[in-house]
């Protein structure tokens, strides 16, 4: 089995909303199985990232050990559940204003 690529995203001090927008955009470009290491000083990230992964179907792998900045690992799934591009913690609205 060939190991998948690890992609590093530097989240810096972005708040969770901006982190999720950044993460959503980046994982959309990646192959299934790619592991993303997201570094961030946002204290809410260890709460919000697992929830977002459950919502979308990506795999939350937990904290990455041995890093200077808190870093979290996510494995990209083949067919994630869709989310709103500008509000990735929400499902996209349908044409009738209902959530799909």
PDB file of N, CA and C in Angstrom:
ATOM      1  N   UNK A   1       0.839  -1.184   0.000  1.00  0.00           N
ATOM      2  CA  UNK A   1       0.000   0.000   0.000  1.00  0.00           C
ATOM      3  C   UNK A   1       0.883   1.247   0.000  1.00  0.00           C
ATOM      4  N   UNK A   2       0.629   2.150  -0.901  1.00  0.00           N
ATOM      5  CA  UNK A   2       1.407   3.379  -1.026  1.00  0.00           C
ATOM      6  C   UNK A   2       0.848   4.420  -0.058  1.00  0.00           C
ATOM      7  N   UNK A   3       1.723   5.032   0.771  1.00  0.00           N
ATOM      8  CA  UNK A   3       1.207   6.059   1.680  1.00  0.00           C
ATOM      9  C   UNK A   3       0.725   7.279   0.905  1.00  0.00           C
ATOM     10  N   UNK A   4      -0.301   7.905   1.442  1.00  0.00           N
ATOM     11  CA  UNK A   4      -0.849   9.098   0.798  1.00  0.00           C
ATOM     12  C   UNK A   4      -0.038  10.326   1.180  1.00  0.00           C
ATOM     13  N   UNK A   5      -0.130  11.316   0.334  1.00  0.00           N
ATOM     14  CA  UNK A   5       0.534  12.597   0.537  1.00  0.00           C
ATOM     15  C   UNK A   5       0.017  13.268   1.812  1.00  0.00           C
ATOM     16  N   UNK A   6       0.896  14.029   2.474  1.00  0.00           N
ATOM     17  CA  UNK A   6       0.491  14.878   3.590  1.00  0.00           C
ATOM     18  C   UNK A   6       0.593  16.318   3.115  1.00  0.00           C
ATOM     19  N   UNK A   7      -0.502  17.053   3.233  1.00  0.00           N
ATOM     20  CA  UNK A   7      -0.564  18.456   2.832  1.00  0.00           C
ATOM     21  C   UNK A   7      -0.651  19.287   4.103  1.00  0.00           C
ATOM     22  N   UNK A   8       0.193  20.302   4.209  1.00  0.00           N
ATOM     23  CA  UNK A   8       0.211  21.167   5.391  1.00  0.00           C
ATOM     24  C   UNK A   8      -0.512  22.470   5.069  1.00  0.00           C
ATOM     25  N   UNK A   9      -1.431  22.845   5.948  1.00  0.00           N
ATOM     26  CA  UNK A   9      -2.131  24.126   5.843  1.00  0.00           C
ATOM     27  C   UNK A   9      -1.805  24.915   7.100  1.00  0.00           C
ATOM     28  N   UNK A  10      -1.242  26.095   6.912  1.00  0.00           N
ATOM     29  CA  UNK A  10      -0.915  26.981   8.027  1.00  0.00           C
ATOM     30  C   UNK A  10      -2.114  27.877   8.302  1.00  0.00           C
ATOM     31  N   UNK A  11      -2.812  27.624   9.392  1.00  0.00           N
ATOM     32  CA  UNK A  11      -3.990  28.411   9.736  1.00  0.00           C
ATOM     33  C   UNK A  11      -3.677  29.638  10.569  1.00  0.00           C
ATOM     34  N   UNK A  12      -2.466  29.674  11.137  1.00  0.00           N
ATOM     35  CA  UNK A  12      -2.084  30.825  11.958  1.00  0.00           C
ATOM     36  C   UNK A  12      -3.078  31.096  13.063  1.00  0.00           C
ATOM     37  N   UNK A  13      -3.480  32.362  13.176  1.00  0.00           N
ATOM     38  CA  UNK A  13      -4.423  32.740  14.232  1.00  0.00           C
ATOM     39  C   UNK A  13      -5.836  32.945  13.693  1.00  0.00           C
ATOM     40  N   UNK A  14      -6.124  32.383  12.511  1.00  0.00           N
ATOM     41  CA  UNK A  14      -7.480  32.497  11.967  1.00  0.00           C
ATOM     42  C   UNK A  14      -8.483  31.861  12.923  1.00  0.00           C
ATOM     43  N   UNK A  15      -9.639  32.471  13.024  1.00  0.00           N
ATOM     44  CA  UNK A  15     -10.723  31.893  13.812  1.00  0.00           C
ATOM     45  C   UNK A  15     -11.332  30.716  13.073  1.00  0.00           C
ATOM     46  N   UNK A  16     -12.162  29.982  13.765  1.00  0.00           N
ATOM     47  CA  UNK A  16     -12.693  28.745  13.205  1.00  0.00           C
ATOM     48  C   UNK A  16     -13.432  28.937  11.887  1.00  0.00           C
ATOM     49  N   UNK A  17     -14.229  29.977  11.757  1.00  0.00           N
ATOM     50  CA  UNK A  17     -14.978  30.186  10.514  1.00  0.00           C
ATOM     51  C   UNK A  17     -14.030  30.301   9.325  1.00  0.00           C
ATOM     52  N   UNK A  18     -12.998  31.108   9.448  1.00  0.00           N
ATOM     53  CA  UNK A  18     -12.032  31.276   8.354  1.00  0.00           C
ATOM     54  C   UNK A  18     -11.222  29.994   8.133  1.00  0.00           C
ATOM     55  N   UNK A  19     -10.909  29.288   9.218  1.00  0.00           N
ATOM     56  CA  UNK A  19     -10.188  28.023   9.083  1.00  0.00           C
ATOM     57  C   UNK A  19     -10.987  27.019   8.265  1.00  0.00           C
ATOM     58  N   UNK A  20     -12.286  26.931   8.546  1.00  0.00           N
ATOM     59  CA  UNK A  20     -13.121  25.977   7.820  1.00  0.00           C
ATOM     60  C   UNK A  20     -13.274  26.368   6.357  1.00  0.00           C
ATOM     61  N   UNK A  21     -13.361  27.664   6.062  1.00  0.00           N
ATOM     62  CA  UNK A  21     -13.414  28.111   4.665  1.00  0.00           C
ATOM     63  C   UNK A  21     -12.119  27.700   3.960  1.00  0.00           C
ATOM     64  N   UNK A  22     -10.991  27.938   4.602  1.00  0.00           N
ATOM     65  CA  UNK A  22      -9.688  27.570   4.046  1.00  0.00           C
ATOM     66  C   UNK A  22      -9.578  26.056   3.858  1.00  0.00           C
ATOM     67  N   UNK A  23      -9.940  25.297   4.877  1.00  0.00           N
ATOM     68  CA  UNK A  23      -9.854  23.841   4.826  1.00  0.00           C
ATOM     69  C   UNK A  23     -10.778  23.270   3.758  1.00  0.00           C
ATOM     70  N   UNK A  24     -12.009  23.744   3.709  1.00  0.00           N
ATOM     71  CA  UNK A  24     -12.979  23.250   2.722  1.00  0.00           C
ATOM     72  C   UNK A  24     -12.458  23.455   1.302  1.00  0.00           C
ATOM     73  N   UNK A  25     -11.937  24.654   1.029  1.00  0.00           N
ATOM     74  CA  UNK A  25     -11.426  24.957  -0.312  1.00  0.00           C
ATOM     75  C   UNK A  25     -10.244  24.056  -0.668  1.00  0.00           C
ATOM     76  N   UNK A  26      -9.381  23.834   0.287  1.00  0.00           N
ATOM     77  CA  UNK A  26      -8.171  23.038   0.006  1.00  0.00           C
ATOM     78  C   UNK A  26      -8.492  21.561  -0.183  1.00  0.00           C
ATOM     79  N   UNK A  27      -9.340  20.983   0.671  1.00  0.00           N
ATOM     80  CA  UNK A  27      -9.622  19.550   0.543  1.00  0.00           C
ATOM     81  C   UNK A  27     -10.390  19.243  -0.738  1.00  0.00           C
ATOM     82  N   UNK A  28     -11.109  20.226  -1.272  1.00  0.00           N
ATOM     83  CA  UNK A  28     -11.847  20.017  -2.525  1.00  0.00           C
ATOM     84  C   UNK A  28     -10.901  19.726  -3.689  1.00  0.00           C
ATOM     85  N   UNK A  29      -9.644  20.135  -3.559  1.00  0.00           N
ATOM     86  CA  UNK A  29      -8.642  19.946  -4.614  1.00  0.00           C
ATOM     87  C   UNK A  29      -7.818  18.676  -4.434  1.00  0.00           C
ATOM     88  N   UNK A  30      -8.026  17.972  -3.329  1.00  0.00           N
ATOM     89  CA  UNK A  30      -7.146  16.861  -2.978  1.00  0.00           C
ATOM     90  C   UNK A  30      -7.773  15.505  -3.281  1.00  0.00           C
ATOM     91  N   UNK A  31      -6.915  14.520  -3.466  1.00  0.00           N
ATOM     92  CA  UNK A  31      -7.361  13.154  -3.720  1.00  0.00           C
ATOM     93  C   UNK A  31      -7.817  12.479  -2.436  1.00  0.00           C
ATOM     94  N   UNK A  32      -8.700  11.510  -2.601  1.00  0.00           N
ATOM     95  CA  UNK A  32      -9.145  10.690  -1.476  1.00  0.00           C
ATOM     96  C   UNK A  32      -7.929  10.079  -0.792  1.00  0.00           C
ATOM     97  N   UNK A  33      -7.953  10.078   0.526  1.00  0.00           N
ATOM     98  CA  UNK A  33      -6.874   9.486   1.301  1.00  0.00           C
ATOM     99  C   UNK A  33      -5.765  10.441   1.666  1.00  0.00           C
ATOM    100  N   UNK A  34      -5.713  11.597   1.015  1.00  0.00           N
ATOM    101  CA  UNK A  34      -4.702  12.592   1.363  1.00  0.00           C
ATOM    102  C   UNK A  34      -4.935  13.034   2.800  1.00  0.00           C
ATOM    103  N   UNK A  35      -3.865  13.177   3.547  1.00  0.00           N
ATOM    104  CA  UNK A  35      -3.954  13.642   4.931  1.00  0.00           C
ATOM    105  C   UNK A  35      -3.550  15.111   4.968  1.00  0.00           C
ATOM    106  N   UNK A  36      -4.372  15.909   5.621  1.00  0.00           N
ATOM    107  CA  UNK A  36      -4.108  17.333   5.792  1.00  0.00           C
ATOM    108  C   UNK A  36      -3.680  17.565   7.233  1.00  0.00           C
ATOM    109  N   UNK A  37      -2.582  18.288   7.418  1.00  0.00           N
ATOM    110  CA  UNK A  37      -2.162  18.741   8.742  1.00  0.00           C
ATOM    111  C   UNK A  37      -2.474  20.230   8.809  1.00  0.00           C
ATOM    112  N   UNK A  38      -3.434  20.591   9.619  1.00  0.00           N
ATOM    113  CA  UNK A  38      -3.865  21.977   9.772  1.00  0.00           C
ATOM    114  C   UNK A  38      -3.319  22.521  11.082  1.00  0.00           C
ATOM    115  N   UNK A  39      -2.424  23.508  10.984  1.00  0.00           N
ATOM    116  CA  UNK A  39      -1.878  24.119  12.194  1.00  0.00           C
ATOM    117  C   UNK A  39      -2.622  25.416  12.469  1.00  0.00           C
ATOM    118  N   UNK A  40      -2.947  25.629  13.737  1.00  0.00           N
ATOM    119  CA  UNK A  40      -3.695  26.817  14.127  1.00  0.00           C
ATOM    120  C   UNK A  40      -3.567  27.060  15.624  1.00  0.00           C
ATOM    121  N   UNK A  41      -3.610  28.322  15.989  1.00  0.00           N
ATOM    122  CA  UNK A  41      -3.621  28.666  17.408  1.00  0.00           C
ATOM    123  C   UNK A  41      -5.045  28.867  17.923  1.00  0.00           C
ATOM    124  N   UNK A  42      -6.044  28.641  17.067  1.00  0.00           N
ATOM    125  CA  UNK A  42      -7.445  28.803  17.466  1.00  0.00           C
ATOM    126  C   UNK A  42      -7.794  27.781  18.552  1.00  0.00           C
ATOM    127  N   UNK A  43      -8.176  28.238  19.755  1.00  0.00           N
ATOM    128  CA  UNK A  43      -8.458  27.299  20.844  1.00  0.00           C
ATOM    129  C   UNK A  43      -9.716  26.455  20.626  1.00  0.00           C
ATOM    130  N   UNK A  44     -10.567  26.828  19.683  1.00  0.00           N
ATOM    131  CA  UNK A  44     -11.806  26.094  19.435  1.00  0.00           C
ATOM    132  C   UNK A  44     -11.615  25.007  18.368  1.00  0.00           C
ATOM    133  N   UNK A  45     -10.507  25.017  17.676  1.00  0.00           N
ATOM    134  CA  UNK A  45     -10.266  24.052  16.591  1.00  0.00           C
ATOM    135  C   UNK A  45     -10.427  22.596  17.021  1.00  0.00           C
ATOM    136  N   UNK A  46      -9.931  22.186  18.204  1.00  0.00           N
ATOM    137  CA  UNK A  46     -10.093  20.772  18.558  1.00  0.00           C
ATOM    138  C   UNK A  46     -11.546  20.370  18.820  1.00  0.00           C
ATOM    139  N   UNK A  47     -12.419  21.333  18.930  1.00  0.00           N
ATOM    140  CA  UNK A  47     -13.851  21.052  19.077  1.00  0.00           C
ATOM    141  C   UNK A  47     -14.523  21.091  17.710  1.00  0.00           C
ATOM    142  N   UNK A  48     -14.256  22.151  16.952  1.00  0.00           N
ATOM    143  CA  UNK A  48     -14.948  22.353  15.676  1.00  0.00           C
ATOM    144  C   UNK A  48     -14.496  21.411  14.564  1.00  0.00           C
ATOM    145  N   UNK A  49     -13.232  21.076  14.502  1.00  0.00           N
ATOM    146  CA  UNK A  49     -12.751  20.217  13.413  1.00  0.00           C
ATOM    147  C   UNK A  49     -13.385  18.823  13.429  1.00  0.00           C
ATOM    148  N   UNK A  50     -13.460  18.138  14.573  1.00  0.00           N
ATOM    149  CA  UNK A  50     -14.125  16.829  14.561  1.00  0.00           C
ATOM    150  C   UNK A  50     -15.601  16.921  14.170  1.00  0.00           C
ATOM    151  N   UNK A  51     -16.274  17.984  14.599  1.00  0.00           N
ATOM    152  CA  UNK A  51     -17.685  18.161  14.242  1.00  0.00           C
ATOM    153  C   UNK A  51     -17.821  18.367  12.736  1.00  0.00           C
ATOM    154  N   UNK A  52     -16.976  19.221  12.153  1.00  0.00           N
ATOM    155  CA  UNK A  52     -17.025  19.465  10.716  1.00  0.00           C
ATOM    156  C   UNK A  52     -16.729  18.183   9.942  1.00  0.00           C
ATOM    157  N   UNK A  53     -15.778  17.399  10.429  1.00  0.00           N
ATOM    158  CA  UNK A  53     -15.455  16.136   9.757  1.00  0.00           C
ATOM    159  C   UNK A  53     -16.629  15.165   9.815  1.00  0.00           C
ATOM    160  N   UNK A  54     -17.299  15.066  10.949  1.00  0.00           N
ATOM    161  CA  UNK A  54     -18.491  14.208  11.031  1.00  0.00           C
ATOM    162  C   UNK A  54     -19.561  14.685  10.067  1.00  0.00           C
ATOM    163  N   UNK A  55     -19.719  15.989   9.960  1.00  0.00           N
ATOM    164  CA  UNK A  55     -20.739  16.562   9.082  1.00  0.00           C
ATOM    165  C   UNK A  55     -20.436  16.291   7.608  1.00  0.00           C
ATOM    166  N   UNK A  56     -19.179  16.344   7.222  1.00  0.00           N
ATOM    167  CA  UNK A  56     -18.808  16.214   5.813  1.00  0.00           C
ATOM    168  C   UNK A  56     -18.421  14.800   5.408  1.00  0.00           C
ATOM    169  N   UNK A  57     -18.034  13.981   6.368  1.00  0.00           N
ATOM    170  CA  UNK A  57     -17.593  12.628   6.049  1.00  0.00           C
ATOM    171  C   UNK A  57     -16.087  12.462   5.965  1.00  0.00           C
ATOM    172  N   UNK A  58     -15.340  13.557   6.108  1.00  0.00           N
ATOM    173  CA  UNK A  58     -13.882  13.438   6.169  1.00  0.00           C
ATOM    174  C   UNK A  58     -13.525  12.788   7.507  1.00  0.00           C
ATOM    175  N   UNK A  59     -12.342  12.209   7.598  1.00  0.00           N
ATOM    176  CA  UNK A  59     -11.921  11.526   8.821  1.00  0.00           C
ATOM    177  C   UNK A  59     -11.051  12.444   9.666  1.00  0.00           C
ATOM    178  N   UNK A  60     -11.499  12.720  10.886  1.00  0.00           N
ATOM    179  CA  UNK A  60     -10.684  13.484  11.826  1.00  0.00           C
ATOM    180  C   UNK A  60      -9.724  12.507  12.482  1.00  0.00           C
ATOM    181  N   UNK A  61      -8.431  12.748  12.350  1.00  0.00           N
ATOM    182  CA  UNK A  61      -7.416  11.827  12.861  1.00  0.00           C
ATOM    183  C   UNK A  61      -6.818  12.268  14.184  1.00  0.00           C
ATOM    184  N   UNK A  62      -7.165  13.461  14.648  1.00  0.00           N
ATOM    185  CA  UNK A  62      -6.688  13.930  15.940  1.00  0.00           C
ATOM    186  C   UNK A  62      -5.502  14.871  15.845  1.00  0.00           C
ATOM    187  N   UNK A  63      -4.869  15.048  16.986  1.00  0.00           N
ATOM    188  CA  UNK A  63      -3.749  15.968  17.118  1.00  0.00           C
ATOM    189  C   UNK A  63      -2.475  15.336  16.567  1.00  0.00           C
ATOM    190  N   UNK A  64      -1.671  16.149  15.902  1.00  0.00           N
ATOM    191  CA  UNK A  64      -0.373  15.704  15.392  1.00  0.00           C
ATOM    192  C   UNK A  64       0.664  16.005  16.471  1.00  0.00           C
ATOM    193  N   UNK A  65       1.383  14.992  16.902  1.00  0.00           N
ATOM    194  CA  UNK A  65       2.382  15.155  17.962  1.00  0.00           C
ATOM    195  C   UNK A  65       3.660  15.789  17.423  1.00  0.00           C
ATOM    196  N   UNK A  66       4.388  16.450  18.331  1.00  0.00           N
ATOM    197  CA  UNK A  66       5.711  16.959  18.000  1.00  0.00           C
ATOM    198  C   UNK A  66       5.744  18.220  17.163  1.00  0.00           C
ATOM    199  N   UNK A  67       4.695  19.034  17.241  1.00  0.00           N
ATOM    200  CA  UNK A  67       4.670  20.289  16.484  1.00  0.00           C
ATOM    201  C   UNK A  67       4.715  21.465  17.450  1.00  0.00           C
ATOM    202  N   UNK A  68       5.274  22.581  16.989  1.00  0.00           N
ATOM    203  CA  UNK A  68       5.353  23.776  17.831  1.00  0.00           C
ATOM    204  C   UNK A  68       3.994  24.448  18.000  1.00  0.00           C
ATOM    205  N   UNK A  69       3.201  24.436  16.943  1.00  0.00           N
ATOM    206  CA  UNK A  69       1.857  25.027  16.951  1.00  0.00           C
ATOM    207  C   UNK A  69       0.867  23.869  16.955  1.00  0.00           C
ATOM    208  N   UNK A  70      -0.239  23.978  17.701  1.00  0.00           N
ATOM    209  CA  UNK A  70      -1.230  22.896  17.656  1.00  0.00           C
ATOM    210  C   UNK A  70      -1.602  22.565  16.205  1.00  0.00           C
ATOM    211  N   UNK A  71      -1.530  21.276  15.887  1.00  0.00           N
ATOM    212  CA  UNK A  71      -1.772  20.809  14.522  1.00  0.00           C
ATOM    213  C   UNK A  71      -2.708  19.611  14.573  1.00  0.00           C
ATOM    214  N   UNK A  72      -3.659  19.588  13.646  1.00  0.00           N
ATOM    215  CA  UNK A  72      -4.706  18.566  13.623  1.00  0.00           C
ATOM    216  C   UNK A  72      -4.704  17.887  12.261  1.00  0.00           C
ATOM    217  N   UNK A  73      -4.964  16.589  12.257  1.00  0.00           N
ATOM    218  CA  UNK A  73      -4.924  15.817  11.018  1.00  0.00           C
ATOM    219  C   UNK A  73      -6.327  15.428  10.572  1.00  0.00           C
ATOM    220  N   UNK A  74      -6.553  15.559   9.261  1.00  0.00           N
ATOM    221  CA  UNK A  74      -7.823  15.203   8.629  1.00  0.00           C
ATOM    222  C   UNK A  74      -7.493  14.385   7.378  1.00  0.00           C
ATOM    223  N   UNK A  75      -8.190  13.247   7.203  1.00  0.00           N
ATOM    224  CA  UNK A  75      -8.029  12.460   5.973  1.00  0.00           C
ATOM    225  C   UNK A  75      -9.197  12.761   5.047  1.00  0.00           C
ATOM    226  N   UNK A  76      -8.879  13.074   3.795  1.00  0.00           N
ATOM    227  CA  UNK A  76      -9.878  13.451   2.798  1.00  0.00           C
ATOM    228  C   UNK A  76     -10.652  12.216   2.344  1.00  0.00           C
ATOM    229  N   UNK A  77     -11.974  12.341   2.312  1.00  0.00           N
ATOM    230  CA  UNK A  77     -12.839  11.272   1.826  1.00  0.00           C
ATOM    231  C   UNK A  77     -13.151  11.479   0.345  1.00  0.00           C
ATOM    232  N   UNK A  78     -13.575  10.423  -0.315  1.00  0.00           N
ATOM    233  CA  UNK A  78     -13.847  10.492  -1.758  1.00  0.00           C
ATOM    234  C   UNK A  78     -15.075  11.323  -2.087  1.00  0.00           C
ATOM    235  N   UNK A  79     -16.111  11.194  -1.298  1.00  0.00           N
ATOM    236  CA  UNK A  79     -17.386  11.863  -1.601  1.00  0.00           C
ATOM    237  C   UNK A  79     -17.918  12.583  -0.373  1.00  0.00           C
ATOM    238  N   UNK A  80     -17.331  13.727  -0.031  1.00  0.00           N
ATOM    239  CA  UNK A  80     -17.803  14.432   1.160  1.00  0.00           C
ATOM    240  C   UNK A  80     -19.214  14.977   0.967  1.00  0.00           C
ATOM    241  N   UNK A  81     -19.924  15.106   2.067  1.00  0.00           N
ATOM    242  CA  UNK A  81     -21.235  15.752   2.027  1.00  0.00           C
ATOM    243  C   UNK A  81     -21.018  17.219   1.680  1.00  0.00           C
ATOM    244  N   UNK A  82     -21.870  17.781   0.830  1.00  0.00           N
ATOM    245  CA  UNK A  82     -21.674  19.173   0.423  1.00  0.00           C
ATOM    246  C   UNK A  82     -21.931  20.153   1.568  1.00  0.00           C
ATOM    247  N   UNK A  83     -21.182  21.243   1.541  1.00  0.00           N
ATOM    248  CA  UNK A  83     -21.399  22.344   2.478  1.00  0.00           C
ATOM    249  C   UNK A  83     -21.378  23.647   1.694  1.00  0.00           C
ATOM    250  N   UNK A  84     -21.895  24.688   2.315  1.00  0.00           N
ATOM    251  CA  UNK A  84     -21.904  26.015   1.703  1.00  0.00           C
ATOM    252  C   UNK A  84     -20.456  26.505   1.588  1.00  0.00           C
ATOM    253  N   UNK A  85     -20.012  26.956   0.419  1.00  0.00           N
ATOM    254  CA  UNK A  85     -18.623  27.386   0.242  1.00  0.00           C
ATOM    255  C   UNK A  85     -18.196  28.528   1.157  1.00  0.00           C
ATOM    256  N   UNK A  86     -19.098  29.440   1.472  1.00  0.00           N
ATOM    257  CA  UNK A  86     -18.728  30.574   2.321  1.00  0.00           C
ATOM    258  C   UNK A  86     -19.074  30.347   3.787  1.00  0.00           C
ATOM    259  N   UNK A  87     -19.863  29.337   4.067  1.00  0.00           N
ATOM    260  CA  UNK A  87     -20.237  28.959   5.433  1.00  0.00           C
ATOM    261  C   UNK A  87     -20.136  27.438   5.543  1.00  0.00           C
ATOM    262  N   UNK A  88     -18.916  26.882   5.555  1.00  0.00           N
ATOM    263  CA  UNK A  88     -18.753  25.437   5.438  1.00  0.00           C
ATOM    264  C   UNK A  88     -19.258  24.627   6.624  1.00  0.00           C
ATOM    265  N   UNK A  89     -19.774  25.273   7.627  1.00  0.00           N
ATOM    266  CA  UNK A  89     -20.398  24.579   8.749  1.00  0.00           C
ATOM    267  C   UNK A  89     -21.894  24.400   8.496  1.00  0.00           C
ATOM    268  N   UNK A  90     -22.351  24.841   7.312  1.00  0.00           N
ATOM    269  CA  UNK A  90     -23.764  24.712   6.941  1.00  0.00           C
ATOM    270  C   UNK A  90     -23.902  23.892   5.663  1.00  0.00           C
ATOM    271  N   UNK A  91     -25.021  23.203   5.561  1.00  0.00           N
ATOM    272  CA  UNK A  91     -25.366  22.516   4.311  1.00  0.00           C
ATOM    273  C   UNK A  91     -25.785  23.580   3.298  1.00  0.00           C
ATOM    274  N   UNK A  92     -25.585  23.337   2.008  1.00  0.00           N
ATOM    275  CA  UNK A  92     -26.015  24.327   1.011  1.00  0.00           C
ATOM    276  C   UNK A  92     -27.534  24.429   0.963  1.00  0.00           C
ATOM    277  N   UNK A  93     -28.023  25.627   0.729  1.00  0.00           N
ATOM    278  CA  UNK A  93     -29.468  25.848   0.621  1.00  0.00           C
ATOM    279  C   UNK A  93     -29.950  25.352  -0.734  1.00  0.00           C
ATOM    280  N   UNK A  94     -31.170  24.877  -0.770  1.00  0.00           N
ATOM    281  CA  UNK A  94     -31.771  24.467  -2.040  1.00  0.00           C
ATOM    282  C   UNK A  94     -32.401  25.686  -2.686  1.00  0.00           C
ATOM    283  N   UNK A  95     -32.926  25.511  -3.866  1.00  0.00           N
ATOM    284  CA  UNK A  95     -33.543  26.639  -4.570  1.00  0.00           C
ATOM    285  C   UNK A  95     -34.760  27.187  -3.838  1.00  0.00           C
ATOM    286  N   UNK A  96     -35.353  26.399  -2.942  1.00  0.00           N
ATOM    287  CA  UNK A  96     -36.527  26.845  -2.194  1.00  0.00           C
ATOM    288  C   UNK A  96     -36.158  27.338  -0.798  1.00  0.00           C
ATOM    289  N   UNK A  97     -34.862  27.502  -0.563  1.00  0.00           N
ATOM    290  CA  UNK A  97     -34.412  28.025   0.714  1.00  0.00           C
ATOM    291  C   UNK A  97     -34.293  26.981   1.805  1.00  0.00           C
ATOM    292  N   UNK A  98     -34.561  25.734   1.483  1.00  0.00           N
ATOM    293  CA  UNK A  98     -34.436  24.668   2.471  1.00  0.00           C
ATOM    294  C   UNK A  98     -33.062  24.033   2.365  1.00  0.00           C
ATOM    295  N   UNK A  99     -32.640  23.501   3.466  1.00  0.00           N
ATOM    296  CA  UNK A  99     -31.361  22.809   3.483  1.00  0.00           C
ATOM    297  C   UNK A  99     -31.545  21.440   2.863  1.00  0.00           C
ATOM    298  N   UNK A 100     -30.593  21.063   2.027  1.00  0.00           N
ATOM    299  CA  UNK A 100     -30.695  19.748   1.384  1.00  0.00           C
ATOM    300  C   UNK A 100     -30.199  18.650   2.292  1.00  0.00           C
TER     301      UNK A 100
END
